[in-house]
Amino acid sequence: QGHLVESGGGSVQAGGSLMLSCDASGRTERIYAMNWFRQAPGKEREYVARISFTTGAINYVDSVRGRFTISRDNAKNTVYLQMNSLKPEYTAVYYCNSNPPTSWGQGTQVTVSS
């Protein structure tokens, strides 16, 4: 099936920005959509954003709409999550996963300090 590799996390202050990348080049099965998720300490993993590879439709969880932008670079088989105006409550490990889903990667840590 191949796997997905997340990168781009880091530590920033509130109000800062980060851009996460999800490299899907190792994924051999056709992908119909890519999703970003996050898991904060002590909490369940939650959905953040989605981009459809068939329609181009984009969707965000309400808490990040207007702050996050999901995009895709077909040539690089990479999906990005541009995160602006970051808040401390966005601190989490961020993961990507596809439709159809594959095994979870290691994620990338995002830490936002107040």
C-alpha atoms as a PDB file:
ATOM      1  CA  GLN A   1       0.000   0.000   0.000  1.00  0.00           C
ATOM      2  CA  GLY A   2       2.849   2.381   0.698  1.00  0.00           C
ATOM      3  CA  HIS A   3       2.917   4.919   3.448  1.00  0.00           C
ATOM      4  CA  LEU A   4       2.606   8.612   4.082  1.00  0.00           C
ATOM      5  CA  VAL A   5       5.279  10.828   5.602  1.00  0.00           C
ATOM      6  CA  GLU A   6       4.395  13.975   7.526  1.00  0.00           C
ATOM      7  CA  SER A   7       6.854  16.813   8.111  1.00  0.00           C
ATOM      8  CA  GLY A   8       7.036  20.517   8.837  1.00  0.00           C
ATOM      9  CA  GLY A   9       6.023  20.644  12.463  1.00  0.00           C
ATOM     10  CA  GLY A  10       7.789  22.730  15.053  1.00  0.00           C
ATOM     11  CA  SER A  11       7.441  25.107  17.965  1.00  0.00           C
ATOM     12  CA  VAL A  12       5.971  28.541  17.418  1.00  0.00           C
ATOM     13  CA  GLN A  13       4.394  31.268  19.462  1.00  0.00           C
ATOM     14  CA  ALA A  14       0.689  31.994  19.330  1.00  0.00           C
ATOM     15  CA  GLY A  15      -0.146  33.872  16.155  1.00  0.00           C
ATOM     16  CA  GLY A  16       2.645  32.230  14.217  1.00  0.00           C
ATOM     17  CA  SER A  17       2.504  30.031  11.140  1.00  0.00           C
ATOM     18  CA  LEU A  18       3.672  26.620  10.046  1.00  0.00           C
ATOM     19  CA  MET A  19       3.264  24.638   6.853  1.00  0.00           C
ATOM     20  CA  LEU A  20       2.961  20.877   7.158  1.00  0.00           C
ATOM     21  CA  SER A  21       3.679  18.485   4.311  1.00  0.00           C
ATOM     22  CA  CYS A  22       2.332  15.006   3.618  1.00  0.00           C
ATOM     23  CA  ASP A  23       4.462  13.080   1.139  1.00  0.00           C
ATOM     24  CA  ALA A  24       2.357  10.436  -0.577  1.00  0.00           C
ATOM     25  CA  SER A  25       4.970   9.369  -3.124  1.00  0.00           C
ATOM     26  CA  GLY A  26       5.317   6.003  -1.395  1.00  0.00           C
ATOM     27  CA  ARG A  27       1.628   5.318  -1.815  1.00  0.00           C
ATOM     28  CA  THR A  28       1.084   2.922  -4.706  1.00  0.00           C
ATOM     29  CA  GLU A  29      -2.697   2.621  -4.490  1.00  0.00           C
ATOM     30  CA  ARG A  30      -4.809   5.318  -6.130  1.00  0.00           C
ATOM     31  CA  ILE A  31      -5.769   8.058  -3.701  1.00  0.00           C
ATOM     32  CA  TYR A  32      -9.172   9.721  -3.886  1.00  0.00           C
ATOM     33  CA  ALA A  33      -8.705  12.227  -1.074  1.00  0.00           C
ATOM     34  CA  MET A  34      -6.242  13.233   1.607  1.00  0.00           C
ATOM     35  CA  ASN A  35      -7.117  14.178   5.146  1.00  0.00           C
ATOM     36  CA  TRP A  36      -5.263  15.868   7.986  1.00  0.00           C
ATOM     37  CA  PHE A  37      -5.889  14.820  11.566  1.00  0.00           C
ATOM     38  CA  ARG A  38      -4.422  15.847  14.907  1.00  0.00           C
ATOM     39  CA  GLN A  39      -4.125  14.303  18.326  1.00  0.00           C
ATOM     40  CA  ALA A  40      -3.576  16.502  21.346  1.00  0.00           C
ATOM     41  CA  PRO A  41      -2.127  15.067  24.563  1.00  0.00           C
ATOM     42  CA  GLY A  42      -4.728  12.974  26.369  1.00  0.00           C
ATOM     43  CA  LYS A  43      -7.324  13.398  23.611  1.00  0.00           C
ATOM     44  CA  GLU A  44      -8.696  11.372  20.738  1.00  0.00           C
ATOM     45  CA  ARG A  45      -7.386  11.882  17.234  1.00  0.00           C
ATOM     46  CA  GLU A  46      -9.632  14.347  15.411  1.00  0.00           C
ATOM     47  CA  TYR A  47     -10.257  15.315  11.824  1.00  0.00           C
ATOM     48  CA  VAL A  48      -8.898  18.692  10.676  1.00  0.00           C
ATOM     49  CA  ALA A  49      -9.153  19.070   6.901  1.00  0.00           C
ATOM     50  CA  ARG A  50      -9.742  17.197   3.653  1.00  0.00           C
ATOM     51  CA  ILE A  51      -9.055  17.691  -0.039  1.00  0.00           C
ATOM     52  CA  SER A  52     -10.706  15.557  -2.702  1.00  0.00           C
ATOM     53  CA  PHE A  53      -8.432  14.432  -5.544  1.00  0.00           C
ATOM     54  CA  THR A  54     -11.439  13.811  -7.791  1.00  0.00           C
ATOM     55  CA  THR A  55     -13.547  16.961  -7.321  1.00  0.00           C
ATOM     56  CA  GLY A  56     -11.094  19.337  -5.668  1.00  0.00           C
ATOM     57  CA  ALA A  57     -13.575  19.882  -2.854  1.00  0.00           C
ATOM     58  CA  ILE A  58     -12.058  21.107   0.393  1.00  0.00           C
ATOM     59  CA  ASN A  59     -13.442  20.879   3.899  1.00  0.00           C
ATOM     60  CA  TYR A  60     -12.254  22.015   7.328  1.00  0.00           C
ATOM     61  CA  VAL A  61     -13.315  21.439  10.887  1.00  0.00           C
ATOM     62  CA  ASP A  62     -14.982  24.604  12.168  1.00  0.00           C
ATOM     63  CA  SER A  63     -12.231  25.372  14.674  1.00  0.00           C
ATOM     64  CA  VAL A  64      -9.594  25.909  11.960  1.00  0.00           C
ATOM     65  CA  ARG A  65     -11.640  27.329   9.105  1.00  0.00           C
ATOM     66  CA  GLY A  66     -10.153  30.635   8.016  1.00  0.00           C
ATOM     67  CA  ARG A  67      -6.818  29.838   9.654  1.00  0.00           C
ATOM     68  CA  PHE A  68      -5.731  26.649   7.849  1.00  0.00           C
ATOM     69  CA  THR A  69      -5.435  26.013   4.117  1.00  0.00           C
ATOM     70  CA  ILE A  70      -5.083  22.565   2.596  1.00  0.00           C
ATOM     71  CA  SER A  71      -3.550  22.269  -0.868  1.00  0.00           C
ATOM     72  CA  ARG A  72      -1.988  19.752  -3.210  1.00  0.00           C
ATOM     73  CA  ASP A  73       1.043  19.593  -5.485  1.00  0.00           C
ATOM     74  CA  ASN A  74       0.333  16.840  -8.009  1.00  0.00           C
ATOM     75  CA  ALA A  75       3.852  16.795  -9.405  1.00  0.00           C
ATOM     76  CA  LYS A  76       5.342  16.198  -5.963  1.00  0.00           C
ATOM     77  CA  ASN A  77       2.596  13.843  -4.716  1.00  0.00           C
ATOM     78  CA  THR A  78       2.423  16.071  -1.681  1.00  0.00           C
ATOM     79  CA  VAL A  79      -0.430  17.617   0.265  1.00  0.00           C
ATOM     80  CA  TYR A  80       0.179  20.684   2.407  1.00  0.00           C
ATOM     81  CA  LEU A  81      -1.510  22.215   5.415  1.00  0.00           C
ATOM     82  CA  GLN A  82      -0.725  25.889   5.799  1.00  0.00           C
ATOM     83  CA  MET A  83      -1.520  26.895   9.368  1.00  0.00           C
ATOM     84  CA  ASN A  84      -1.774  30.579  10.239  1.00  0.00           C
ATOM     85  CA  SER A  85      -2.754  32.471  13.376  1.00  0.00           C
ATOM     86  CA  LEU A  86      -1.907  29.450  15.468  1.00  0.00           C
ATOM     87  CA  LYS A  87      -3.388  29.035  18.928  1.00  0.00           C
ATOM     88  CA  PRO A  88      -1.996  27.094  21.918  1.00  0.00           C
ATOM     89  CA  GLU A  89      -4.973  24.721  21.685  1.00  0.00           C
ATOM     90  CA  TYR A  90      -3.703  23.624  18.269  1.00  0.00           C
ATOM     91  CA  THR A  91      -0.770  21.906  19.963  1.00  0.00           C
ATOM     92  CA  ALA A  92      -0.898  18.283  18.822  1.00  0.00           C
ATOM     93  CA  VAL A  93       0.706  15.644  16.677  1.00  0.00           C
ATOM     94  CA  TYR A  94      -0.590  16.143  13.141  1.00  0.00           C
ATOM     95  CA  TYR A  95      -1.146  13.177  10.839  1.00  0.00           C
ATOM     96  CA  CYS A  96      -2.283  12.720   7.275  1.00  0.00           C
ATOM     97  CA  ASN A  97      -4.174   9.769   5.917  1.00  0.00           C
ATOM     98  CA  SER A  98      -5.797   9.036   2.622  1.00  0.00           C
ATOM     99  CA  ASN A  99      -9.010   7.725   1.165  1.00  0.00           C
ATOM    100  CA  PRO A 100      -8.731   4.743   0.980  1.00  0.00           C
ATOM    101  CA  PRO A 101      -6.873   4.754   4.283  1.00  0.00           C
ATOM    102  CA  THR A 102      -3.466   3.321   4.967  1.00  0.00           C
ATOM    103  CA  SER A 103      -1.468   2.739   8.115  1.00  0.00           C
ATOM    104  CA  TRP A 104      -0.796   5.795  10.261  1.00  0.00           C
ATOM    105  CA  GLY A 105       2.598   7.442  10.001  1.00  0.00           C
ATOM    106  CA  GLN A 106       4.575   8.960  12.856  1.00  0.00           C
ATOM    107  CA  GLY A 107       2.994  12.367  12.445  1.00  0.00           C
ATOM    108  CA  THR A 108       4.643  15.705  13.017  1.00  0.00           C
ATOM    109  CA  GLN A 109       4.578  17.588  16.312  1.00  0.00           C
ATOM    110  CA  VAL A 110       3.156  21.106  16.407  1.00  0.00           C
ATOM    111  CA  THR A 111       3.635  23.055  19.617  1.00  0.00           C
ATOM    112  CA  VAL A 112       2.130  26.512  20.028  1.00  0.00           C
ATOM    113  CA  SER A 113       3.136  28.516  23.077  1.00  0.00           C
ATOM    114  CA  SER A 114       1.186  31.416  24.521  1.00  0.00           C
END
